[in-house]
Each structure stands twice: as C-alpha cells, then as structure tokens.
C-alpha atoms as a PDB file:
ATOM      1  CA  UNK A   1     141.439 121.109 107.475  1.00  0.00           C
ATOM      2  CA  UNK A   2     139.961 122.807 104.429  1.00  0.00           C
ATOM      3  CA  UNK A   3     139.920 126.583 104.248  1.00  0.00           C
ATOM      4  CA  UNK A   4     138.302 128.831 101.656  1.00  0.00           C
ATOM      5  CA  UNK A   5     139.399 132.450 101.440  1.00  0.00           C
ATOM      6  CA  UNK A   6     137.466 134.873  99.231  1.00  0.00           C
ATOM      7  CA  UNK A   7     138.717 138.205  97.941  1.00  0.00           C
ATOM      8  CA  UNK A   8     137.909 140.806  95.315  1.00  0.00           C
ATOM      9  CA  UNK A   9     134.721 142.396  96.589  1.00  0.00           C
ATOM     10  CA  UNK A  10     134.193 146.123  96.760  1.00  0.00           C
ATOM     11  CA  UNK A  11     132.075 149.123  95.858  1.00  0.00           C
ATOM     12  CA  UNK A  12     131.469 149.764  92.158  1.00  0.00           C
ATOM     13  CA  UNK A  13     129.066 151.744  90.035  1.00  0.00           C
ATOM     14  CA  UNK A  14     126.381 150.136  87.873  1.00  0.00           C
ATOM     15  CA  UNK A  15     127.841 148.758  84.654  1.00  0.00           C
ATOM     16  CA  UNK A  16     131.283 148.176  86.100  1.00  0.00           C
ATOM     17  CA  UNK A  17     133.058 144.868  86.717  1.00  0.00           C
ATOM     18  CA  UNK A  18     134.604 142.911  89.567  1.00  0.00           C
ATOM     19  CA  UNK A  19     136.416 139.611  89.794  1.00  0.00           C
ATOM     20  CA  UNK A  20     136.030 137.513  92.907  1.00  0.00           C
ATOM     21  CA  UNK A  21     138.564 134.866  93.858  1.00  0.00           C
ATOM     22  CA  UNK A  22     138.289 131.948  96.256  1.00  0.00           C
ATOM     23  CA  UNK A  23     141.456 130.137  97.239  1.00  0.00           C
ATOM     24  CA  UNK A  24     141.025 126.643  98.658  1.00  0.00           C
ATOM     25  CA  UNK A  25     143.525 124.690 100.681  1.00  0.00           C
ATOM     26  CA  UNK A  26     143.693 120.916 100.501  1.00  0.00           C
ATOM     27  CA  UNK A  27     143.348 118.394  97.699  1.00  0.00           C
ATOM     28  CA  UNK A  28     139.551 118.280  97.985  1.00  0.00           C
ATOM     29  CA  UNK A  29     139.336 121.240  95.620  1.00  0.00           C
ATOM     30  CA  UNK A  30     140.496 119.376  92.514  1.00  0.00           C
ATOM     31  CA  UNK A  31     138.015 116.548  93.005  1.00  0.00           C
ATOM     32  CA  UNK A  32     134.881 118.575  93.634  1.00  0.00           C
ATOM     33  CA  UNK A  33     132.584 121.022  92.006  1.00  0.00           C
ATOM     34  CA  UNK A  34     132.616 124.568  93.303  1.00  0.00           C
ATOM     35  CA  UNK A  35     129.916 127.181  93.694  1.00  0.00           C
ATOM     36  CA  UNK A  36     129.360 130.858  94.339  1.00  0.00           C
ATOM     37  CA  UNK A  37     126.362 131.896  96.414  1.00  0.00           C
ATOM     38  CA  UNK A  38     125.197 135.325  97.462  1.00  0.00           C
ATOM     39  CA  UNK A  39     123.030 136.704 100.202  1.00  0.00           C
ATOM     40  CA  UNK A  40     121.522 140.151 100.069  1.00  0.00           C
ATOM     41  CA  UNK A  41     120.437 141.939 103.222  1.00  0.00           C
ATOM     42  CA  UNK A  42     117.153 140.492 104.450  1.00  0.00           C
ATOM     43  CA  UNK A  43     117.051 137.793 101.803  1.00  0.00           C
ATOM     44  CA  UNK A  44     117.872 134.109 101.639  1.00  0.00           C
ATOM     45  CA  UNK A  45     121.169 132.862 100.276  1.00  0.00           C
ATOM     46  CA  UNK A  46     120.918 132.004  96.580  1.00  0.00           C
ATOM     47  CA  UNK A  47     123.054 129.936  94.254  1.00  0.00           C
ATOM     48  CA  UNK A  48     124.715 132.128  91.637  1.00  0.00           C
ATOM     49  CA  UNK A  49     126.991 129.807  89.687  1.00  0.00           C
ATOM     50  CA  UNK A  50     128.498 126.344  89.784  1.00  0.00           C
ATOM     51  CA  UNK A  51     131.393 124.670  88.045  1.00  0.00           C
ATOM     52  CA  UNK A  52     132.157 120.962  87.961  1.00  0.00           C
ATOM     53  CA  UNK A  53     135.599 119.489  88.497  1.00  0.00           C
ATOM     54  CA  UNK A  54     135.775 119.203  84.711  1.00  0.00           C
ATOM     55  CA  UNK A  55     134.859 122.821  84.106  1.00  0.00           C
ATOM     56  CA  UNK A  56     131.171 122.679  83.166  1.00  0.00           C
ATOM     57  CA  UNK A  57     129.406 125.806  84.390  1.00  0.00           C
ATOM     58  CA  UNK A  58     125.825 126.702  85.239  1.00  0.00           C
ATOM     59  CA  UNK A  59     124.318 130.038  86.236  1.00  0.00           C
ATOM     60  CA  UNK A  60     121.391 131.698  87.918  1.00  0.00           C
ATOM     61  CA  UNK A  61     119.176 133.075  85.158  1.00  0.00           C
ATOM     62  CA  UNK A  62     119.564 136.676  86.285  1.00  0.00           C
ATOM     63  CA  UNK A  63     123.365 136.577  85.874  1.00  0.00           C
ATOM     64  CA  UNK A  64     123.615 134.608  82.619  1.00  0.00           C
ATOM     65  CA  UNK A  65     125.631 136.500  80.042  1.00  0.00           C
ATOM     66  CA  UNK A  66     127.125 138.801  82.707  1.00  0.00           C
ATOM     67  CA  UNK A  67     128.939 136.492  85.130  1.00  0.00           C
ATOM     68  CA  UNK A  68     131.530 133.832  84.346  1.00  0.00           C
ATOM     69  CA  UNK A  69     132.740 131.186  86.766  1.00  0.00           C
ATOM     70  CA  UNK A  70     136.107 129.545  86.171  1.00  0.00           C
ATOM     71  CA  UNK A  71     138.662 127.535  88.073  1.00  0.00           C
ATOM     72  CA  UNK A  72     142.405 126.984  88.135  1.00  0.00           C
ATOM     73  CA  UNK A  73     143.022 123.574  89.640  1.00  0.00           C
ATOM     74  CA  UNK A  74     146.787 124.109  89.782  1.00  0.00           C
ATOM     75  CA  UNK A  75     146.252 127.154  91.974  1.00  0.00           C
ATOM     76  CA  UNK A  76     143.303 125.721  93.882  1.00  0.00           C
ATOM     77  CA  UNK A  77     141.286 128.806  93.033  1.00  0.00           C
ATOM     78  CA  UNK A  78     137.816 129.468  91.667  1.00  0.00           C
ATOM     79  CA  UNK A  79     136.871 132.829  90.162  1.00  0.00           C
ATOM     80  CA  UNK A  80     133.696 134.742  89.467  1.00  0.00           C
ATOM     81  CA  UNK A  81     134.037 137.416  86.819  1.00  0.00           C
ATOM     82  CA  UNK A  82     131.129 139.821  87.154  1.00  0.00           C
ATOM     83  CA  UNK A  83     130.463 142.274  84.343  1.00  0.00           C
ATOM     84  CA  UNK A  84     127.697 144.816  83.785  1.00  0.00           C
ATOM     85  CA  UNK A  85     126.953 144.850  87.482  1.00  0.00           C
ATOM     86  CA  UNK A  86     123.547 146.024  88.668  1.00  0.00           C
ATOM     87  CA  UNK A  87     122.380 147.349  92.038  1.00  0.00           C
ATOM     88  CA  UNK A  88     120.452 144.113  92.552  1.00  0.00           C
ATOM     89  CA  UNK A  89     123.760 142.226  92.495  1.00  0.00           C
ATOM     90  CA  UNK A  90     124.619 143.839  95.828  1.00  0.00           C
ATOM     91  CA  UNK A  91     125.192 141.068  98.368  1.00  0.00           C
ATOM     92  CA  UNK A  92     127.757 139.143 100.339  1.00  0.00           C
ATOM     93  CA  UNK A  93     129.243 136.524  98.028  1.00  0.00           C
ATOM     94  CA  UNK A  94     130.375 133.152  99.359  1.00  0.00           C
ATOM     95  CA  UNK A  95     132.237 130.290  97.759  1.00  0.00           C
ATOM     96  CA  UNK A  96     131.455 126.697  98.617  1.00  0.00           C
ATOM     97  CA  UNK A  97     132.799 123.269  97.815  1.00  0.00           C
ATOM     98  CA  UNK A  98     129.811 121.494  96.350  1.00  0.00           C
ATOM     99  CA  UNK A  99     128.059 118.933  98.522  1.00  0.00           C
ATOM    100  CA  UNK A 100     130.130 119.860 101.563  1.00  0.00           C
ATOM    101  CA  UNK A 101     129.788 122.223 104.467  1.00  0.00           C
ATOM    102  CA  UNK A 102     132.952 124.097 103.570  1.00  0.00           C
ATOM    103  CA  UNK A 103     132.285 127.808 103.085  1.00  0.00           C
ATOM    104  CA  UNK A 104     134.366 130.906 102.784  1.00  0.00           C
ATOM    105  CA  UNK A 105     133.913 133.912 105.048  1.00  0.00           C
ATOM    106  CA  UNK A 106     132.204 135.966 102.361  1.00  0.00           C
ATOM    107  CA  UNK A 107     133.127 139.116 100.492  1.00  0.00           C
ATOM    108  CA  UNK A 108     130.885 142.167 100.159  1.00  0.00           C
ATOM    109  CA  UNK A 109     129.908 143.395  96.706  1.00  0.00           C
ATOM    110  CA  UNK A 110     128.083 146.727  96.572  1.00  0.00           C
ATOM    111  CA  UNK A 111     126.820 148.196  93.315  1.00  0.00           C
ATOM    112  CA  UNK A 112     125.678 151.767  93.727  1.00  0.00           C
ATOM    113  CA  UNK A 113     125.888 155.114  92.014  1.00  0.00           C
END
C-alpha cells in the first residue's frame, strides 16, 4: 500500500517562503514522476509543478522563478520550495505520484498580511 504524507504548510505573509515535503512509502516513488497540485477555495485543482524520476522539472507559469520542485530518492521524498509567496498562492497543496491515483491528504498554505 502506497502512502503519501505532506507537511510544511502554514500561514505566512506575502514575500515569505515555505517548503513543503511529501514522504512516500513503497518503491513506486523511485520509478515515477511526482507532482504538486493545489486547490484554492471554490476553484478547480491545478497542476503546480512536476518532476520526472530523473529530476527534470516543469512549472505552472505563475510560479516559475518562485517555486522549485526537487526530490530525494533515497529518502522517498519530494519537496516544493516556495519563495516570494503571494496571496494568490493560498490553497491546499497536494502531492501525487504521476499517472496514478495516489494522493496525499493535502497541506494548507495561507499567504496573508
């Protein structure tokens, strides 16, 4: 059974940073791409960033230059470093193993002054 556990969310002011972590159990992690999604209140879930098993990353245009996705295969963990946060980044953030139905429980990120 695969489990994904996110952590690192919280309440920050605009311009501050947060780092989200997603720990995955099972060997499936090392063989698959990973993704971070987010869902703001009243909006559809959107893809924020992806990273292949080999470490190639892609980003939503609105977060390019501010967010960085990375992974540590030895630890079975994927990260999302979020800098220069904006109020519009407020959402529940979820990690996902690409092309599977495995999702974490979500972690709330709130950016507000």
